[in-house]
């Protein structure tokens, strides 16, 4: 598995007034999406995780994928998606 990268006319040329962010996210002109996945032998893409998707919950570092894996283990759960929400 690897981080998905894409290029083409639909990709942003860079971040406004943020050259460091541009270099980090667009090395060699390809946009690193932050999605982790793979391609199978038939050419299908599978997105399996996010590279930078950690949630900070009351000082604890929580990876949504770990929570999803636990929820998938319950027989009453068919599909699940865990996201972090900001509260102010």
PDB file of N, CA and C in Angstrom:
ATOM      1  N   UNK A   1       0.843  -1.187   0.000  1.00  0.00           N
ATOM      2  CA  UNK A   1       0.000   0.000   0.000  1.00  0.00           C
ATOM      3  C   UNK A   1       0.880   1.239   0.000  1.00  0.00           C
ATOM      4  N   UNK A   2       0.366   2.286  -0.587  1.00  0.00           N
ATOM      5  CA  UNK A   2       1.120   3.529  -0.683  1.00  0.00           C
ATOM      6  C   UNK A   2       0.152   4.707  -0.733  1.00  0.00           C
ATOM      7  N   UNK A   3       0.704   5.887  -0.496  1.00  0.00           N
ATOM      8  CA  UNK A   3      -0.110   7.099  -0.620  1.00  0.00           C
ATOM      9  C   UNK A   3      -0.415   7.341  -2.088  1.00  0.00           C
ATOM     10  N   UNK A   4      -1.670   7.695  -2.368  1.00  0.00           N
ATOM     11  CA  UNK A   4      -2.108   7.959  -3.735  1.00  0.00           C
ATOM     12  C   UNK A   4      -1.583   9.320  -4.181  1.00  0.00           C
ATOM     13  N   UNK A   5      -1.031   9.367  -5.391  1.00  0.00           N
ATOM     14  CA  UNK A   5      -0.560  10.619  -5.994  1.00  0.00           C
ATOM     15  C   UNK A   5      -1.256  10.781  -7.331  1.00  0.00           C
ATOM     16  N   UNK A   6      -1.554  12.006  -7.705  1.00  0.00           N
ATOM     17  CA  UNK A   6      -2.217  12.271  -8.979  1.00  0.00           C
ATOM     18  C   UNK A   6      -1.627  13.517  -9.612  1.00  0.00           C
ATOM     19  N   UNK A   7      -1.781  13.624 -10.920  1.00  0.00           N
ATOM     20  CA  UNK A   7      -1.301  14.812 -11.635  1.00  0.00           C
ATOM     21  C   UNK A   7      -2.223  15.078 -12.816  1.00  0.00           C
ATOM     22  N   UNK A   8      -2.103  16.250 -13.373  1.00  0.00           N
ATOM     23  CA  UNK A   8      -2.906  16.618 -14.529  1.00  0.00           C
ATOM     24  C   UNK A   8      -3.420  18.030 -14.403  1.00  0.00           C
ATOM     25  N   UNK A   9      -4.187  18.494 -15.392  1.00  0.00           N
ATOM     26  CA  UNK A   9      -4.666  19.882 -15.383  1.00  0.00           C
ATOM     27  C   UNK A   9      -5.659  20.175 -14.267  1.00  0.00           C
ATOM     28  N   UNK A  10      -6.259  19.141 -13.678  1.00  0.00           N
ATOM     29  CA  UNK A  10      -7.228  19.341 -12.601  1.00  0.00           C
ATOM     30  C   UNK A  10      -6.568  19.563 -11.240  1.00  0.00           C
ATOM     31  N   UNK A  11      -5.265  19.360 -11.154  1.00  0.00           N
ATOM     32  CA  UNK A  11      -4.545  19.480  -9.884  1.00  0.00           C
ATOM     33  C   UNK A  11      -4.085  20.916  -9.681  1.00  0.00           C
ATOM     34  N   UNK A  12      -4.206  21.394  -8.451  1.00  0.00           N
ATOM     35  CA  UNK A  12      -3.794  22.757  -8.129  1.00  0.00           C
ATOM     36  C   UNK A  12      -2.308  22.947  -8.413  1.00  0.00           C
ATOM     37  N   UNK A  13      -1.907  24.146  -8.824  1.00  0.00           N
ATOM     38  CA  UNK A  13      -0.481  24.383  -9.068  1.00  0.00           C
ATOM     39  C   UNK A  13       0.312  24.591  -7.774  1.00  0.00           C
ATOM     40  N   UNK A  14      -0.392  24.910  -6.676  1.00  0.00           N
ATOM     41  CA  UNK A  14       0.280  25.142  -5.408  1.00  0.00           C
ATOM     42  C   UNK A  14      -0.643  25.855  -4.442  1.00  0.00           C
ATOM     43  N   UNK A  15      -0.171  26.018  -3.212  1.00  0.00           N
ATOM     44  CA  UNK A  15      -0.935  26.715  -2.177  1.00  0.00           C
ATOM     45  C   UNK A  15      -0.557  28.188  -2.177  1.00  0.00           C
ATOM     46  N   UNK A  16      -1.538  29.055  -2.076  1.00  0.00           N
ATOM     47  CA  UNK A  16      -1.350  30.501  -2.126  1.00  0.00           C
ATOM     48  C   UNK A  16      -0.433  30.962  -0.995  1.00  0.00           C
ATOM     49  N   UNK A  17       0.679  31.541  -1.368  1.00  0.00           N
ATOM     50  CA  UNK A  17       1.649  32.106  -0.423  1.00  0.00           C
ATOM     51  C   UNK A  17       2.154  31.093   0.612  1.00  0.00           C
ATOM     52  N   UNK A  18       2.187  29.821   0.261  1.00  0.00           N
ATOM     53  CA  UNK A  18       2.671  28.777   1.171  1.00  0.00           C
ATOM     54  C   UNK A  18       3.625  27.848   0.420  1.00  0.00           C
ATOM     55  N   UNK A  19       4.832  28.330   0.130  1.00  0.00           N
ATOM     56  CA  UNK A  19       5.763  27.512  -0.652  1.00  0.00           C
ATOM     57  C   UNK A  19       6.174  26.215   0.039  1.00  0.00           C
ATOM     58  N   UNK A  20       6.275  26.216   1.367  1.00  0.00           N
ATOM     59  CA  UNK A  20       6.652  24.990   2.078  1.00  0.00           C
ATOM     60  C   UNK A  20       5.566  23.934   1.957  1.00  0.00           C
ATOM     61  N   UNK A  21       4.303  24.350   2.095  1.00  0.00           N
ATOM     62  CA  UNK A  21       3.184  23.411   1.960  1.00  0.00           C
ATOM     63  C   UNK A  21       3.091  22.880   0.530  1.00  0.00           C
ATOM     64  N   UNK A  22       3.384  23.751  -0.435  1.00  0.00           N
ATOM     65  CA  UNK A  22       3.370  23.332  -1.833  1.00  0.00           C
ATOM     66  C   UNK A  22       4.431  22.266  -2.082  1.00  0.00           C
ATOM     67  N   UNK A  23       5.645  22.491  -1.595  1.00  0.00           N
ATOM     68  CA  UNK A  23       6.713  21.506  -1.779  1.00  0.00           C
ATOM     69  C   UNK A  23       6.383  20.181  -1.112  1.00  0.00           C
ATOM     70  N   UNK A  24       5.755  20.225   0.061  1.00  0.00           N
ATOM     71  CA  UNK A  24       5.432  19.000   0.793  1.00  0.00           C
ATOM     72  C   UNK A  24       4.306  18.208   0.129  1.00  0.00           C
ATOM     73  N   UNK A  25       3.311  18.911  -0.408  1.00  0.00           N
ATOM     74  CA  UNK A  25       2.141  18.236  -0.976  1.00  0.00           C
ATOM     75  C   UNK A  25       2.240  17.965  -2.466  1.00  0.00           C
ATOM     76  N   UNK A  26       3.132  18.675  -3.156  1.00  0.00           N
ATOM     77  CA  UNK A  26       3.242  18.537  -4.610  1.00  0.00           C
ATOM     78  C   UNK A  26       4.674  18.252  -5.053  1.00  0.00           C
ATOM     79  N   UNK A  27       5.326  17.243  -4.475  1.00  0.00           N
ATOM     80  CA  UNK A  27       6.699  16.962  -4.906  1.00  0.00           C
ATOM     81  C   UNK A  27       6.717  16.479  -6.356  1.00  0.00           C
ATOM     82  N   UNK A  28       7.534  17.096  -7.166  1.00  0.00           N
ATOM     83  CA  UNK A  28       7.618  16.699  -8.565  1.00  0.00           C
ATOM     84  C   UNK A  28       6.371  17.014  -9.365  1.00  0.00           C
ATOM     85  N   UNK A  29       5.483  17.847  -8.836  1.00  0.00           N
ATOM     86  CA  UNK A  29       4.271  18.220  -9.561  1.00  0.00           C
ATOM     87  C   UNK A  29       3.101  17.277  -9.373  1.00  0.00           C
ATOM     88  N   UNK A  30       3.280  16.204  -8.617  1.00  0.00           N
ATOM     89  CA  UNK A  30       2.179  15.278  -8.332  1.00  0.00           C
ATOM     90  C   UNK A  30       1.584  15.589  -6.965  1.00  0.00           C
ATOM     91  N   UNK A  31       0.262  15.657  -6.903  1.00  0.00           N
ATOM     92  CA  UNK A  31      -0.423  15.934  -5.639  1.00  0.00           C
ATOM     93  C   UNK A  31      -0.507  14.662  -4.810  1.00  0.00           C
ATOM     94  N   UNK A  32       0.042  14.702  -3.598  1.00  0.00           N
ATOM     95  CA  UNK A  32      -0.113  13.610  -2.648  1.00  0.00           C
ATOM     96  C   UNK A  32      -1.449  13.816  -1.944  1.00  0.00           C
ATOM     97  N   UNK A  33      -2.391  12.901  -2.137  1.00  0.00           N
ATOM     98  CA  UNK A  33      -3.768  13.095  -1.674  1.00  0.00           C
ATOM     99  C   UNK A  33      -3.970  12.871  -0.187  1.00  0.00           C
ATOM    100  N   UNK A  34      -3.056  12.138   0.451  1.00  0.00           N
ATOM    101  CA  UNK A  34      -3.252  11.786   1.849  1.00  0.00           C
ATOM    102  C   UNK A  34      -4.025  10.493   2.005  1.00  0.00           C
ATOM    103  N   UNK A  35      -4.517   9.924   0.892  1.00  0.00           N
ATOM    104  CA  UNK A  35      -5.207   8.643   0.913  1.00  0.00           C
ATOM    105  C   UNK A  35      -4.197   7.519   0.729  1.00  0.00           C
ATOM    106  N   UNK A  36      -4.402   6.420   1.439  1.00  0.00           N
ATOM    107  CA  UNK A  36      -3.532   5.252   1.324  1.00  0.00           C
ATOM    108  C   UNK A  36      -4.333   4.154   0.649  1.00  0.00           C
ATOM    109  N   UNK A  37      -3.733   3.503  -0.339  1.00  0.00           N
ATOM    110  CA  UNK A  37      -4.460   2.459  -1.036  1.00  0.00           C
ATOM    111  C   UNK A  37      -3.566   1.639  -1.936  1.00  0.00           C
ATOM    112  N   UNK A  38      -4.223   0.880  -2.797  1.00  0.00           N
ATOM    113  CA  UNK A  38      -3.496   0.033  -3.732  1.00  0.00           C
ATOM    114  C   UNK A  38      -4.338  -0.186  -4.976  1.00  0.00           C
ATOM    115  N   UNK A  39      -3.713  -0.698  -6.010  1.00  0.00           N
ATOM    116  CA  UNK A  39      -4.377  -1.048  -7.266  1.00  0.00           C
ATOM    117  C   UNK A  39      -4.271  -2.554  -7.433  1.00  0.00           C
ATOM    118  N   UNK A  40      -5.383  -3.200  -7.811  1.00  0.00           N
ATOM    119  CA  UNK A  40      -5.330  -4.644  -8.012  1.00  0.00           C
ATOM    120  C   UNK A  40      -4.898  -4.965  -9.451  1.00  0.00           C
ATOM    121  N   UNK A  41      -4.831  -6.241  -9.769  1.00  0.00           N
ATOM    122  CA  UNK A  41      -4.351  -6.687 -11.081  1.00  0.00           C
ATOM    123  C   UNK A  41      -5.251  -6.218 -12.226  1.00  0.00           C
ATOM    124  N   UNK A  42      -6.523  -5.914 -11.930  1.00  0.00           N
ATOM    125  CA  UNK A  42      -7.457  -5.445 -12.958  1.00  0.00           C
ATOM    126  C   UNK A  42      -7.469  -3.932 -13.107  1.00  0.00           C
ATOM    127  N   UNK A  43      -6.643  -3.236 -12.304  1.00  0.00           N
ATOM    128  CA  UNK A  43      -6.567  -1.785 -12.399  1.00  0.00           C
ATOM    129  C   UNK A  43      -7.533  -1.029 -11.503  1.00  0.00           C
ATOM    130  N   UNK A  44      -8.234  -1.715 -10.611  1.00  0.00           N
ATOM    131  CA  UNK A  44      -9.149  -1.058  -9.680  1.00  0.00           C
ATOM    132  C   UNK A  44      -8.365  -0.471  -8.512  1.00  0.00           C
ATOM    133  N   UNK A  45      -8.731   0.757  -8.113  1.00  0.00           N
ATOM    134  CA  UNK A  45      -8.128   1.409  -6.955  1.00  0.00           C
ATOM    135  C   UNK A  45      -8.929   1.061  -5.705  1.00  0.00           C
ATOM    136  N   UNK A  46      -8.236   0.822  -4.615  1.00  0.00           N
ATOM    137  CA  UNK A  46      -8.863   0.582  -3.322  1.00  0.00           C
ATOM    138  C   UNK A  46      -8.259   1.553  -2.316  1.00  0.00           C
ATOM    139  N   UNK A  47      -9.115   2.400  -1.743  1.00  0.00           N
ATOM    140  CA  UNK A  47      -8.682   3.314  -0.693  1.00  0.00           C
ATOM    141  C   UNK A  47      -8.948   2.626   0.632  1.00  0.00           C
ATOM    142  N   UNK A  48      -7.923   2.497   1.451  1.00  0.00           N
ATOM    143  CA  UNK A  48      -8.060   1.736   2.680  1.00  0.00           C
ATOM    144  C   UNK A  48      -7.837   2.554   3.948  1.00  0.00           C
ATOM    145  N   UNK A  49      -7.275   3.746   3.810  1.00  0.00           N
ATOM    146  CA  UNK A  49      -6.999   4.532   5.018  1.00  0.00           C
ATOM    147  C   UNK A  49      -6.605   5.944   4.618  1.00  0.00           C
ATOM    148  N   UNK A  50      -6.437   6.790   5.616  1.00  0.00           N
ATOM    149  CA  UNK A  50      -5.910   8.142   5.433  1.00  0.00           C
ATOM    150  C   UNK A  50      -4.548   8.198   6.100  1.00  0.00           C
ATOM    151  N   UNK A  51      -3.622   8.903   5.479  1.00  0.00           N
ATOM    152  CA  UNK A  51      -2.273   9.004   6.027  1.00  0.00           C
ATOM    153  C   UNK A  51      -2.236   9.864   7.293  1.00  0.00           C
ATOM    154  N   UNK A  52      -2.975  10.968   7.277  1.00  0.00           N
ATOM    155  CA  UNK A  52      -2.954  11.910   8.398  1.00  0.00           C
ATOM    156  C   UNK A  52      -4.367  12.058   8.959  1.00  0.00           C
ATOM    157  N   UNK A  53      -4.865  11.007   9.559  1.00  0.00           N
ATOM    158  CA  UNK A  53      -6.262  10.998   9.973  1.00  0.00           C
ATOM    159  C   UNK A  53      -6.429  10.809  11.477  1.00  0.00           C
ATOM    160  N   UNK A  54      -5.408  11.123  12.243  1.00  0.00           N
ATOM    161  CA  UNK A  54      -5.478  10.909  13.684  1.00  0.00           C
ATOM    162  C   UNK A  54      -6.413  11.925  14.332  1.00  0.00           C
ATOM    163  N   UNK A  55      -7.192  11.427  15.287  1.00  0.00           N
ATOM    164  CA  UNK A  55      -8.106  12.275  16.052  1.00  0.00           C
ATOM    165  C   UNK A  55      -7.529  12.427  17.457  1.00  0.00           C
ATOM    166  N   UNK A  56      -7.487  13.648  17.953  1.00  0.00           N
ATOM    167  CA  UNK A  56      -7.046  13.905  19.317  1.00  0.00           C
ATOM    168  C   UNK A  56      -8.302  14.055  20.170  1.00  0.00           C
ATOM    169  N   UNK A  57      -8.596  13.040  20.993  1.00  0.00           N
ATOM    170  CA  UNK A  57      -9.793  13.039  21.844  1.00  0.00           C
ATOM    171  C   UNK A  57      -9.364  13.131  23.301  1.00  0.00           C
ATOM    172  N   UNK A  58      -9.515  14.302  23.880  1.00  0.00           N
ATOM    173  CA  UNK A  58      -9.170  14.537  25.278  1.00  0.00           C
ATOM    174  C   UNK A  58      -7.734  14.120  25.577  1.00  0.00           C
ATOM    175  N   UNK A  59      -6.831  14.388  24.638  1.00  0.00           N
ATOM    176  CA  UNK A  59      -5.430  14.073  24.833  1.00  0.00           C
ATOM    177  C   UNK A  59      -5.016  12.695  24.350  1.00  0.00           C
ATOM    178  N   UNK A  60      -5.984  11.853  23.982  1.00  0.00           N
ATOM    179  CA  UNK A  60      -5.679  10.522  23.463  1.00  0.00           C
ATOM    180  C   UNK A  60      -5.612  10.571  21.943  1.00  0.00           C
ATOM    181  N   UNK A  61      -4.634   9.900  21.375  1.00  0.00           N
ATOM    182  CA  UNK A  61      -4.504   9.809  19.921  1.00  0.00           C
ATOM    183  C   UNK A  61      -5.297   8.600  19.449  1.00  0.00           C
ATOM    184  N   UNK A  62      -6.288   8.841  18.596  1.00  0.00           N
ATOM    185  CA  UNK A  62      -7.181   7.789  18.125  1.00  0.00           C
ATOM    186  C   UNK A  62      -7.133   7.749  16.601  1.00  0.00           C
ATOM    187  N   UNK A  63      -6.875   6.565  16.054  1.00  0.00           N
ATOM    188  CA  UNK A  63      -6.905   6.384  14.606  1.00  0.00           C
ATOM    189  C   UNK A  63      -8.296   5.894  14.224  1.00  0.00           C
ATOM    190  N   UNK A  64      -9.015   6.606  13.365  1.00  0.00           N
ATOM    191  CA  UNK A  64     -10.359   6.181  12.967  1.00  0.00           C
ATOM    192  C   UNK A  64     -10.397   4.744  12.443  1.00  0.00           C
ATOM    193  N   UNK A  65      -9.379   4.330  11.726  1.00  0.00           N
ATOM    194  CA  UNK A  65      -9.368   2.966  11.182  1.00  0.00           C
ATOM    195  C   UNK A  65      -9.411   1.922  12.296  1.00  0.00           C
ATOM    196  N   UNK A  66      -8.729   2.177  13.416  1.00  0.00           N
ATOM    197  CA  UNK A  66      -8.758   1.231  14.531  1.00  0.00           C
ATOM    198  C   UNK A  66     -10.162   1.118  15.116  1.00  0.00           C
ATOM    199  N   UNK A  67     -10.857   2.244  15.248  1.00  0.00           N
ATOM    200  CA  UNK A  67     -12.226   2.233  15.773  1.00  0.00           C
ATOM    201  C   UNK A  67     -13.142   1.511  14.785  1.00  0.00           C
ATOM    202  N   UNK A  68     -12.982   1.791  13.508  1.00  0.00           N
ATOM    203  CA  UNK A  68     -13.790   1.120  12.482  1.00  0.00           C
ATOM    204  C   UNK A  68     -13.590  -0.395  12.533  1.00  0.00           C
ATOM    205  N   UNK A  69     -12.354  -0.834  12.664  1.00  0.00           N
ATOM    206  CA  UNK A  69     -12.073  -2.269  12.719  1.00  0.00           C
ATOM    207  C   UNK A  69     -12.784  -2.932  13.892  1.00  0.00           C
ATOM    208  N   UNK A  70     -12.814  -2.273  15.048  1.00  0.00           N
ATOM    209  CA  UNK A  70     -13.509  -2.821  16.212  1.00  0.00           C
ATOM    210  C   UNK A  70     -15.016  -2.877  15.950  1.00  0.00           C
ATOM    211  N   UNK A  71     -15.572  -1.799  15.387  1.00  0.00           N
ATOM    212  CA  UNK A  71     -17.012  -1.779  15.110  1.00  0.00           C
ATOM    213  C   UNK A  71     -17.404  -2.831  14.068  1.00  0.00           C
ATOM    214  N   UNK A  72     -16.559  -3.043  13.071  1.00  0.00           N
ATOM    215  CA  UNK A  72     -16.837  -4.069  12.062  1.00  0.00           C
ATOM    216  C   UNK A  72     -16.896  -5.465  12.681  1.00  0.00           C
ATOM    217  N   UNK A  73     -16.265  -5.655  13.810  1.00  0.00           N
ATOM    218  CA  UNK A  73     -16.289  -6.947  14.479  1.00  0.00           C
ATOM    219  C   UNK A  73     -17.636  -7.297  15.097  1.00  0.00           C
ATOM    220  N   UNK A  74     -18.528  -6.330  15.217  1.00  0.00           N
ATOM    221  CA  UNK A  74     -19.849  -6.593  15.798  1.00  0.00           C
ATOM    222  C   UNK A  74     -20.784  -7.107  14.710  1.00  0.00           C
ATOM    223  N   UNK A  75     -21.556  -8.172  14.984  1.00  0.00           N
ATOM    224  CA  UNK A  75     -22.407  -8.759  13.952  1.00  0.00           C
ATOM    225  C   UNK A  75     -23.539  -7.846  13.464  1.00  0.00           C
ATOM    226  N   UNK A  76     -23.916  -6.830  14.237  1.00  0.00           N
ATOM    227  CA  UNK A  76     -24.998  -5.936  13.825  1.00  0.00           C
ATOM    228  C   UNK A  76     -24.512  -4.775  12.958  1.00  0.00           C
ATOM    229  N   UNK A  77     -23.203  -4.693  12.731  1.00  0.00           N
ATOM    230  CA  UNK A  77     -22.636  -3.577  11.963  1.00  0.00           C
ATOM    231  C   UNK A  77     -22.286  -4.043  10.556  1.00  0.00           C
ATOM    232  N   UNK A  78     -22.877  -3.402   9.557  1.00  0.00           N
ATOM    233  CA  UNK A  78     -22.583  -3.730   8.166  1.00  0.00           C
ATOM    234  C   UNK A  78     -21.573  -2.758   7.561  1.00  0.00           C
ATOM    235  N   UNK A  79     -21.770  -1.464   7.782  1.00  0.00           N
ATOM    236  CA  UNK A  79     -20.878  -0.429   7.263  1.00  0.00           C
ATOM    237  C   UNK A  79     -20.605   0.569   8.370  1.00  0.00           C
ATOM    238  N   UNK A  80     -19.408   1.167   8.346  1.00  0.00           N
ATOM    239  CA  UNK A  80     -19.060   2.131   9.383  1.00  0.00           C
ATOM    240  C   UNK A  80     -18.069   3.147   8.818  1.00  0.00           C
ATOM    241  N   UNK A  81     -18.159   4.354   9.305  1.00  0.00           N
ATOM    242  CA  UNK A  81     -17.186   5.402   8.980  1.00  0.00           C
ATOM    243  C   UNK A  81     -16.996   6.252  10.229  1.00  0.00           C
ATOM    244  N   UNK A  82     -15.779   6.406  10.661  1.00  0.00           N
ATOM    245  CA  UNK A  82     -15.469   7.185  11.857  1.00  0.00           C
ATOM    246  C   UNK A  82     -14.789   8.473  11.415  1.00  0.00           C
ATOM    247  N   UNK A  83     -15.283   9.588  11.905  1.00  0.00           N
ATOM    248  CA  UNK A  83     -14.706  10.899  11.599  1.00  0.00           C
ATOM    249  C   UNK A  83     -14.557  11.697  12.890  1.00  0.00           C
ATOM    250  N   UNK A  84     -13.668  12.659  12.856  1.00  0.00           N
ATOM    251  CA  UNK A  84     -13.519  13.552  13.992  1.00  0.00           C
ATOM    252  C   UNK A  84     -14.310  14.823  13.767  1.00  0.00           C
ATOM    253  N   UNK A  85     -14.939  15.315  14.789  1.00  0.00           N
ATOM    254  CA  UNK A  85     -15.674  16.577  14.721  1.00  0.00           C
ATOM    255  C   UNK A  85     -15.046  17.568  15.681  1.00  0.00           C
ATOM    256  N   UNK A  86     -14.976  18.803  15.256  1.00  0.00           N
ATOM    257  CA  UNK A  86     -14.462  19.868  16.125  1.00  0.00           C
ATOM    258  C   UNK A  86     -15.583  20.378  16.990  1.00  0.00           C
ATOM    259  N   UNK A  87     -15.293  20.649  18.241  1.00  0.00           N
ATOM    260  CA  UNK A  87     -16.266  21.309  19.102  1.00  0.00           C
ATOM    261  C   UNK A  87     -15.599  22.535  19.705  1.00  0.00           C
ATOM    262  N   UNK A  88     -16.335  23.594  19.788  1.00  0.00           N
ATOM    263  CA  UNK A  88     -15.782  24.852  20.291  1.00  0.00           C
ATOM    264  C   UNK A  88     -16.451  25.238  21.572  1.00  0.00           C
TER     265      UNK A  88
END
